[in-house]
Amino acid sequence: MRPDERAPVLRAVEPLAADGELIAARDEREGLMETVTFLLSGSRHVELAREHEAELRLLAVAPAARGRGIGEALVTECIRRARDHGCQRLVLSTQPTMAPAQRLYTRTGFVRAPERDWSKAGSPRLAFTLELARATYRRSADS
């Protein structure tokens, strides 16, 4: 991701990362390849997550990194973290125009949840959910 592409993404992620977990993939030669933010319900930055849920937000992949499986690896890491926290479900939303992202989410087990669709500043958002093993939900000790 070129510096001019990276700056807006990092500015958008910074407040979320302070309230959740920023997960990044980096390449020694190419630098920052991808980021995603993982948030637990109760965070002031969640958009969809309800009690006993976690939320994946702002998945961003550098154009040069697309098609390498990095996105899937970071989504899988978010799934692992949600399970580790005992969440019942992992949720996310995306724009209708983001077909490649929707394919990734479907491939990793997410299903459309149209009843949870919403709009941000007049722009529609499509909701996706992933049911996780029923376990006791627990917030991290830092929460």
N, C-alpha and C. Protein backbone atom coordinates (compact mmCIF):
# COMPACT_ATOMS: atom_id res chain seq x y z
N MET A 1 0.85 -1.17 0.00
CA MET A 1 0.00 0.00 0.00
C MET A 1 0.90 1.23 0.00
N ARG A 2 0.71 2.07 -0.99
CA ARG A 2 1.52 3.28 -1.08
C ARG A 2 1.19 4.20 0.10
N PRO A 3 2.15 5.05 0.51
CA PRO A 3 1.89 5.96 1.63
C PRO A 3 0.64 6.82 1.44
N ASP A 4 0.36 7.27 0.20
CA ASP A 4 -0.82 8.11 -0.02
C ASP A 4 -2.11 7.30 0.13
N GLU A 5 -2.07 5.98 -0.06
CA GLU A 5 -3.23 5.12 0.16
C GLU A 5 -3.36 4.75 1.63
N ARG A 6 -2.25 4.58 2.29
CA ARG A 6 -2.21 4.10 3.67
C ARG A 6 -2.72 5.14 4.65
N ALA A 7 -2.40 6.40 4.47
CA ALA A 7 -2.73 7.45 5.45
C ALA A 7 -4.21 7.53 5.77
N PRO A 8 -5.13 7.59 4.77
CA PRO A 8 -6.55 7.68 5.14
C PRO A 8 -7.05 6.45 5.89
N VAL A 9 -6.56 5.27 5.51
CA VAL A 9 -6.96 4.04 6.19
C VAL A 9 -6.51 4.08 7.64
N LEU A 10 -5.25 4.43 7.87
CA LEU A 10 -4.74 4.46 9.23
C LEU A 10 -5.42 5.54 10.07
N ARG A 11 -5.75 6.67 9.48
CA ARG A 11 -6.48 7.71 10.22
C ARG A 11 -7.86 7.21 10.64
N ALA A 12 -8.52 6.46 9.77
CA ALA A 12 -9.85 5.93 10.07
C ALA A 12 -9.78 4.85 11.14
N VAL A 13 -8.72 4.07 11.14
CA VAL A 13 -8.58 2.94 12.05
C VAL A 13 -8.10 3.37 13.44
N GLU A 14 -7.35 4.44 13.53
CA GLU A 14 -6.72 4.84 14.79
C GLU A 14 -7.68 4.89 15.98
N PRO A 15 -8.83 5.57 15.90
CA PRO A 15 -9.71 5.60 17.07
C PRO A 15 -10.29 4.22 17.39
N LEU A 16 -10.54 3.41 16.37
CA LEU A 16 -11.07 2.07 16.60
C LEU A 16 -10.04 1.20 17.30
N ALA A 17 -8.79 1.29 16.86
CA ALA A 17 -7.73 0.47 17.43
C ALA A 17 -7.51 0.79 18.91
N ALA A 18 -7.77 2.03 19.29
CA ALA A 18 -7.62 2.40 20.70
C ALA A 18 -8.67 1.72 21.56
N ASP A 19 -9.78 1.30 20.96
CA ASP A 19 -10.88 0.69 21.68
C ASP A 19 -11.03 -0.80 21.35
N GLY A 20 -10.17 -1.31 20.48
CA GLY A 20 -10.23 -2.71 20.08
C GLY A 20 -8.84 -3.22 19.77
N GLU A 21 -8.74 -4.03 18.75
CA GLU A 21 -7.45 -4.61 18.35
C GLU A 21 -7.23 -4.37 16.85
N LEU A 22 -6.13 -3.74 16.52
CA LEU A 22 -5.75 -3.56 15.13
C LEU A 22 -4.86 -4.73 14.74
N ILE A 23 -5.23 -5.42 13.69
CA ILE A 23 -4.47 -6.57 13.21
C ILE A 23 -3.95 -6.17 11.83
N ALA A 24 -2.67 -6.37 11.60
CA ALA A 24 -2.08 -5.93 10.33
C ALA A 24 -1.20 -7.03 9.74
N ALA A 25 -1.15 -7.05 8.43
CA ALA A 25 -0.24 -7.93 7.70
C ALA A 25 0.78 -7.03 7.01
N ARG A 26 2.03 -7.39 7.15
CA ARG A 26 3.11 -6.55 6.63
C ARG A 26 4.11 -7.40 5.87
N ASP A 27 4.65 -6.86 4.81
CA ASP A 27 5.67 -7.52 4.02
C ASP A 27 6.93 -6.68 4.11
N GLU A 28 8.07 -7.31 4.31
CA GLU A 28 9.33 -6.58 4.46
C GLU A 28 9.64 -5.68 3.26
N ARG A 29 9.34 -6.16 2.07
CA ARG A 29 9.64 -5.37 0.87
C ARG A 29 8.54 -4.37 0.54
N GLU A 30 7.29 -4.77 0.73
CA GLU A 30 6.18 -3.94 0.29
C GLU A 30 5.53 -3.14 1.40
N GLY A 31 5.90 -3.39 2.63
CA GLY A 31 5.33 -2.64 3.75
C GLY A 31 3.97 -3.15 4.17
N LEU A 32 3.13 -2.26 4.64
CA LEU A 32 1.81 -2.60 5.13
C LEU A 32 0.95 -3.13 3.99
N MET A 33 0.44 -4.34 4.16
CA MET A 33 -0.34 -4.97 3.11
C MET A 33 -1.84 -4.92 3.41
N GLU A 34 -2.20 -5.03 4.68
CA GLU A 34 -3.61 -5.10 5.02
C GLU A 34 -3.80 -4.83 6.50
N THR A 35 -4.97 -4.27 6.82
CA THR A 35 -5.35 -4.07 8.22
C THR A 35 -6.81 -4.44 8.40
N VAL A 36 -7.15 -4.80 9.62
CA VAL A 36 -8.53 -5.03 10.02
C VAL A 36 -8.61 -4.68 11.51
N THR A 37 -9.77 -4.24 11.94
CA THR A 37 -9.97 -3.92 13.35
C THR A 37 -10.99 -4.88 13.94
N PHE A 38 -10.66 -5.42 15.11
CA PHE A 38 -11.51 -6.37 15.84
C PHE A 38 -12.02 -5.66 17.08
N LEU A 39 -13.34 -5.64 17.26
CA LEU A 39 -13.96 -4.97 18.40
C LEU A 39 -14.94 -5.91 19.10
N LEU A 40 -14.98 -5.82 20.41
CA LEU A 40 -15.97 -6.56 21.19
C LEU A 40 -17.20 -5.71 21.40
N SER A 41 -18.34 -6.36 21.59
CA SER A 41 -19.56 -5.60 21.89
C SER A 41 -19.29 -4.75 23.12
N GLY A 42 -19.94 -3.63 23.18
CA GLY A 42 -19.70 -2.69 24.28
C GLY A 42 -18.69 -1.62 23.94
N SER A 43 -17.90 -1.84 22.89
CA SER A 43 -16.96 -0.82 22.44
C SER A 43 -17.76 0.35 21.90
N ARG A 44 -17.27 1.53 22.11
CA ARG A 44 -17.99 2.71 21.62
C ARG A 44 -17.94 2.82 20.10
N HIS A 45 -17.12 2.02 19.45
CA HIS A 45 -16.97 2.10 18.00
C HIS A 45 -17.69 1.00 17.22
N VAL A 46 -18.39 0.11 17.90
CA VAL A 46 -19.12 -0.93 17.16
C VAL A 46 -20.28 -0.30 16.41
N GLU A 47 -20.60 -0.89 15.29
CA GLU A 47 -21.74 -0.43 14.50
C GLU A 47 -22.86 -1.47 14.53
N LEU A 48 -22.51 -2.73 14.67
CA LEU A 48 -23.50 -3.81 14.63
C LEU A 48 -23.49 -4.73 15.84
N ALA A 49 -22.35 -4.91 16.46
CA ALA A 49 -22.21 -5.93 17.50
C ALA A 49 -23.14 -5.68 18.67
N ARG A 50 -23.84 -6.73 19.01
CA ARG A 50 -24.72 -6.74 20.17
C ARG A 50 -24.05 -7.53 21.28
N GLU A 51 -24.73 -7.66 22.38
CA GLU A 51 -24.18 -8.42 23.51
C GLU A 51 -23.75 -9.81 23.04
N HIS A 52 -22.59 -10.25 23.49
CA HIS A 52 -22.02 -11.56 23.18
C HIS A 52 -21.56 -11.69 21.72
N GLU A 53 -21.32 -10.55 21.07
CA GLU A 53 -20.83 -10.55 19.69
C GLU A 53 -19.53 -9.76 19.60
N ALA A 54 -18.78 -10.03 18.56
CA ALA A 54 -17.62 -9.22 18.20
C ALA A 54 -17.85 -8.70 16.79
N GLU A 55 -17.11 -7.66 16.45
CA GLU A 55 -17.29 -7.04 15.14
C GLU A 55 -15.96 -6.86 14.43
N LEU A 56 -15.96 -7.15 13.16
CA LEU A 56 -14.81 -6.95 12.28
C LEU A 56 -15.09 -5.66 11.52
N ARG A 57 -14.15 -4.71 11.54
CA ARG A 57 -14.35 -3.43 10.88
C ARG A 57 -13.14 -3.04 10.05
N LEU A 58 -13.41 -2.29 9.02
CA LEU A 58 -12.40 -1.64 8.18
C LEU A 58 -11.29 -2.58 7.68
N LEU A 59 -11.72 -3.66 7.05
CA LEU A 59 -10.77 -4.53 6.38
C LEU A 59 -10.27 -3.80 5.14
N ALA A 60 -8.98 -3.55 5.06
CA ALA A 60 -8.39 -2.82 3.93
C ALA A 60 -7.20 -3.60 3.40
N VAL A 61 -7.21 -3.84 2.10
CA VAL A 61 -6.13 -4.60 1.45
C VAL A 61 -5.48 -3.73 0.39
N ALA A 62 -4.17 -3.65 0.42
CA ALA A 62 -3.44 -2.92 -0.62
C ALA A 62 -3.71 -3.60 -1.96
N PRO A 63 -3.91 -2.82 -3.02
CA PRO A 63 -4.18 -3.42 -4.33
C PRO A 63 -3.14 -4.47 -4.74
N ALA A 64 -1.88 -4.22 -4.46
CA ALA A 64 -0.83 -5.17 -4.84
C ALA A 64 -0.90 -6.47 -4.04
N ALA A 65 -1.60 -6.46 -2.92
CA ALA A 65 -1.66 -7.64 -2.05
C ALA A 65 -2.90 -8.50 -2.31
N ARG A 66 -3.80 -8.02 -3.12
CA ARG A 66 -5.05 -8.75 -3.36
C ARG A 66 -4.79 -10.06 -4.09
N GLY A 67 -5.56 -11.07 -3.72
CA GLY A 67 -5.44 -12.37 -4.36
C GLY A 67 -4.37 -13.26 -3.75
N ARG A 68 -3.76 -12.84 -2.67
CA ARG A 68 -2.69 -13.63 -2.03
C ARG A 68 -3.17 -14.41 -0.80
N GLY A 69 -4.44 -14.25 -0.43
CA GLY A 69 -4.95 -14.95 0.75
C GLY A 69 -4.74 -14.20 2.05
N ILE A 70 -4.21 -12.99 1.98
CA ILE A 70 -3.94 -12.22 3.20
C ILE A 70 -5.26 -11.81 3.86
N GLY A 71 -6.23 -11.40 3.05
CA GLY A 71 -7.53 -11.02 3.59
C GLY A 71 -8.17 -12.17 4.34
N GLU A 72 -8.15 -13.33 3.74
CA GLU A 72 -8.72 -14.51 4.38
C GLU A 72 -7.99 -14.84 5.68
N ALA A 73 -6.68 -14.69 5.70
CA ALA A 73 -5.92 -14.96 6.92
C ALA A 73 -6.32 -14.00 8.04
N LEU A 74 -6.53 -12.74 7.72
CA LEU A 74 -6.91 -11.79 8.77
C LEU A 74 -8.35 -11.99 9.23
N VAL A 75 -9.23 -12.35 8.32
CA VAL A 75 -10.61 -12.66 8.73
C VAL A 75 -10.59 -13.89 9.64
N THR A 76 -9.81 -14.90 9.27
CA THR A 76 -9.68 -16.10 10.10
C THR A 76 -9.13 -15.77 11.48
N GLU A 77 -8.20 -14.83 11.55
CA GLU A 77 -7.66 -14.40 12.85
C GLU A 77 -8.75 -13.72 13.69
N CYS A 78 -9.59 -12.92 13.06
CA CYS A 78 -10.70 -12.29 13.79
C CYS A 78 -11.66 -13.35 14.32
N ILE A 79 -11.92 -14.39 13.52
CA ILE A 79 -12.78 -15.48 13.96
C ILE A 79 -12.17 -16.16 15.18
N ARG A 80 -10.87 -16.42 15.13
CA ARG A 80 -10.19 -17.06 16.26
C ARG A 80 -10.31 -16.21 17.51
N ARG A 81 -10.09 -14.90 17.38
CA ARG A 81 -10.17 -14.01 18.53
C ARG A 81 -11.58 -13.96 19.10
N ALA A 82 -12.57 -13.93 18.23
CA ALA A 82 -13.96 -13.92 18.70
C ALA A 82 -14.26 -15.19 19.49
N ARG A 83 -13.81 -16.33 18.98
CA ARG A 83 -14.00 -17.60 19.71
C ARG A 83 -13.25 -17.57 21.04
N ASP A 84 -12.02 -17.07 21.03
CA ASP A 84 -11.24 -17.00 22.27
C ASP A 84 -11.93 -16.15 23.33
N HIS A 85 -12.67 -15.15 22.91
CA HIS A 85 -13.41 -14.29 23.84
C HIS A 85 -14.76 -14.89 24.21
N GLY A 86 -15.08 -16.05 23.64
CA GLY A 86 -16.34 -16.71 23.95
C GLY A 86 -17.55 -16.07 23.30
N CYS A 87 -17.33 -15.33 22.23
CA CYS A 87 -18.44 -14.67 21.54
C CYS A 87 -19.34 -15.70 20.86
N GLN A 88 -20.61 -15.39 20.77
CA GLN A 88 -21.57 -16.26 20.10
C GLN A 88 -21.57 -16.03 18.60
N ARG A 89 -21.15 -14.82 18.20
CA ARG A 89 -21.22 -14.49 16.78
C ARG A 89 -20.22 -13.38 16.47
N LEU A 90 -19.77 -13.38 15.22
CA LEU A 90 -18.92 -12.32 14.69
C LEU A 90 -19.72 -11.64 13.60
N VAL A 91 -19.77 -10.32 13.62
CA VAL A 91 -20.58 -9.56 12.66
C VAL A 91 -19.72 -8.56 11.91
N LEU A 92 -20.22 -8.14 10.76
CA LEU A 92 -19.54 -7.10 9.98
C LEU A 92 -20.55 -6.51 9.02
N SER A 93 -20.19 -5.37 8.46
CA SER A 93 -21.01 -4.80 7.39
C SER A 93 -20.08 -4.30 6.29
N THR A 94 -20.64 -4.24 5.10
CA THR A 94 -19.87 -3.82 3.94
C THR A 94 -20.79 -3.07 2.98
N GLN A 95 -20.21 -2.36 2.07
CA GLN A 95 -20.98 -1.64 1.07
C GLN A 95 -21.43 -2.59 -0.04
N PRO A 96 -22.60 -2.35 -0.61
CA PRO A 96 -23.09 -3.23 -1.68
C PRO A 96 -22.14 -3.37 -2.86
N THR A 97 -21.34 -2.36 -3.13
CA THR A 97 -20.42 -2.39 -4.27
C THR A 97 -19.17 -3.22 -4.03
N MET A 98 -18.95 -3.68 -2.83
CA MET A 98 -17.72 -4.40 -2.49
C MET A 98 -17.88 -5.91 -2.67
N ALA A 99 -18.14 -6.32 -3.92
CA ALA A 99 -18.38 -7.73 -4.23
C ALA A 99 -17.21 -8.63 -3.85
N PRO A 100 -15.93 -8.26 -4.10
CA PRO A 100 -14.84 -9.14 -3.69
C PRO A 100 -14.81 -9.38 -2.18
N ALA A 101 -15.09 -8.35 -1.40
CA ALA A 101 -15.13 -8.51 0.06
C ALA A 101 -16.27 -9.44 0.45
N GLN A 102 -17.42 -9.30 -0.20
CA GLN A 102 -18.56 -10.15 0.11
C GLN A 102 -18.25 -11.61 -0.21
N ARG A 103 -17.54 -11.85 -1.30
CA ARG A 103 -17.13 -13.23 -1.63
C ARG A 103 -16.20 -13.78 -0.55
N LEU A 104 -15.27 -12.96 -0.08
CA LEU A 104 -14.36 -13.38 0.98
C LEU A 104 -15.14 -13.75 2.23
N TYR A 105 -16.08 -12.90 2.62
CA TYR A 105 -16.85 -13.17 3.84
C TYR A 105 -17.67 -14.44 3.70
N THR A 106 -18.28 -14.65 2.55
CA THR A 106 -19.06 -15.86 2.32
C THR A 106 -18.15 -17.09 2.34
N ARG A 107 -17.00 -16.99 1.72
CA ARG A 107 -16.04 -18.10 1.68
C ARG A 107 -15.57 -18.49 3.09
N THR A 108 -15.50 -17.51 4.00
CA THR A 108 -15.03 -17.81 5.35
C THR A 108 -16.18 -18.14 6.32
N GLY A 109 -17.39 -18.33 5.77
CA GLY A 109 -18.49 -18.82 6.59
C GLY A 109 -19.56 -17.81 6.99
N PHE A 110 -19.36 -16.55 6.66
CA PHE A 110 -20.36 -15.54 7.00
C PHE A 110 -21.58 -15.71 6.11
N VAL A 111 -22.74 -15.33 6.64
CA VAL A 111 -23.98 -15.33 5.87
C VAL A 111 -24.61 -13.95 5.95
N ARG A 112 -25.32 -13.60 4.89
CA ARG A 112 -26.03 -12.32 4.86
C ARG A 112 -27.09 -12.29 5.95
N ALA A 113 -27.20 -11.14 6.57
CA ALA A 113 -28.21 -10.91 7.61
C ALA A 113 -28.97 -9.64 7.24
N PRO A 114 -29.84 -9.71 6.22
CA PRO A 114 -30.50 -8.50 5.73
C PRO A 114 -31.32 -7.77 6.80
N GLU A 115 -31.77 -8.50 7.80
CA GLU A 115 -32.53 -7.85 8.88
C GLU A 115 -31.66 -6.90 9.71
N ARG A 116 -30.34 -6.98 9.54
CA ARG A 116 -29.42 -6.11 10.27
C ARG A 116 -28.76 -5.07 9.35
N ASP A 117 -29.18 -5.02 8.09
CA ASP A 117 -28.66 -3.99 7.17
C ASP A 117 -28.95 -2.61 7.75
N TRP A 118 -28.13 -1.65 7.40
CA TRP A 118 -28.29 -0.30 7.92
C TRP A 118 -27.69 0.68 6.93
N SER A 119 -27.68 1.95 7.27
CA SER A 119 -27.16 2.98 6.39
C SER A 119 -26.27 3.92 7.18
N LYS A 120 -25.19 4.36 6.56
CA LYS A 120 -24.26 5.31 7.19
C LYS A 120 -24.14 6.51 6.26
N ALA A 121 -24.54 7.65 6.74
CA ALA A 121 -24.49 8.89 5.95
C ALA A 121 -25.15 8.70 4.58
N GLY A 122 -26.28 7.99 4.57
CA GLY A 122 -27.02 7.77 3.34
C GLY A 122 -26.49 6.66 2.46
N SER A 123 -25.40 6.01 2.88
CA SER A 123 -24.81 4.92 2.11
C SER A 123 -25.22 3.58 2.74
N PRO A 124 -25.89 2.71 1.98
CA PRO A 124 -26.34 1.44 2.55
C PRO A 124 -25.18 0.53 2.93
N ARG A 125 -25.39 -0.23 3.99
CA ARG A 125 -24.43 -1.22 4.47
C ARG A 125 -25.13 -2.57 4.56
N LEU A 126 -24.48 -3.60 4.04
CA LEU A 126 -25.00 -4.95 4.10
C LEU A 126 -24.38 -5.68 5.29
N ALA A 127 -25.21 -6.31 6.09
CA ALA A 127 -24.73 -7.00 7.29
C ALA A 127 -24.47 -8.48 6.99
N PHE A 128 -23.42 -9.00 7.62
CA PHE A 128 -23.06 -10.41 7.55
C PHE A 128 -22.81 -10.89 8.98
N THR A 129 -23.17 -12.15 9.25
CA THR A 129 -22.91 -12.72 10.57
C THR A 129 -22.26 -14.09 10.42
N LEU A 130 -21.52 -14.47 11.42
CA LEU A 130 -20.93 -15.80 11.51
C LEU A 130 -21.24 -16.34 12.89
N GLU A 131 -22.00 -17.42 12.94
CA GLU A 131 -22.32 -18.05 14.21
C GLU A 131 -21.10 -18.82 14.69
N LEU A 132 -20.76 -18.64 15.96
CA LEU A 132 -19.61 -19.32 16.56
C LEU A 132 -20.11 -20.33 17.58
N ALA A 133 -19.24 -21.21 18.03
CA ALA A 133 -19.60 -22.19 19.05
C ALA A 133 -20.12 -21.46 20.28
N ARG A 134 -21.18 -21.97 20.83
CA ARG A 134 -21.74 -21.36 22.04
C ARG A 134 -20.75 -21.54 23.18
N ALA A 135 -20.34 -20.45 23.75
CA ALA A 135 -19.38 -20.49 24.84
C ALA A 135 -19.68 -19.32 25.77
N THR A 136 -19.06 -19.30 26.89
CA THR A 136 -19.25 -18.20 27.83
C THR A 136 -18.50 -16.99 27.32
N TYR A 137 -19.23 -15.91 27.14
CA TYR A 137 -18.64 -14.66 26.65
C TYR A 137 -17.82 -14.03 27.76
N ARG A 138 -16.68 -13.50 27.40
CA ARG A 138 -15.85 -12.78 28.39
C ARG A 138 -15.11 -11.65 27.70
N ARG A 139 -15.13 -10.50 28.31
CA ARG A 139 -14.37 -9.36 27.80
C ARG A 139 -12.94 -9.54 28.29
N SER A 140 -12.03 -8.91 27.57
CA SER A 140 -10.63 -9.00 27.99
C SER A 140 -10.44 -8.26 29.31
N ALA A 141 -9.40 -8.57 30.01
CA ALA A 141 -9.11 -7.95 31.31
C ALA A 141 -8.89 -6.46 31.16
N ASP A 142 -8.49 -6.01 29.95
CA ASP A 142 -8.23 -4.58 29.74
C ASP A 142 -9.50 -3.80 29.48
N SER A 143 -10.63 -4.49 29.27
CA SER A 143 -11.88 -3.82 28.90
C SER A 143 -12.56 -3.19 30.07
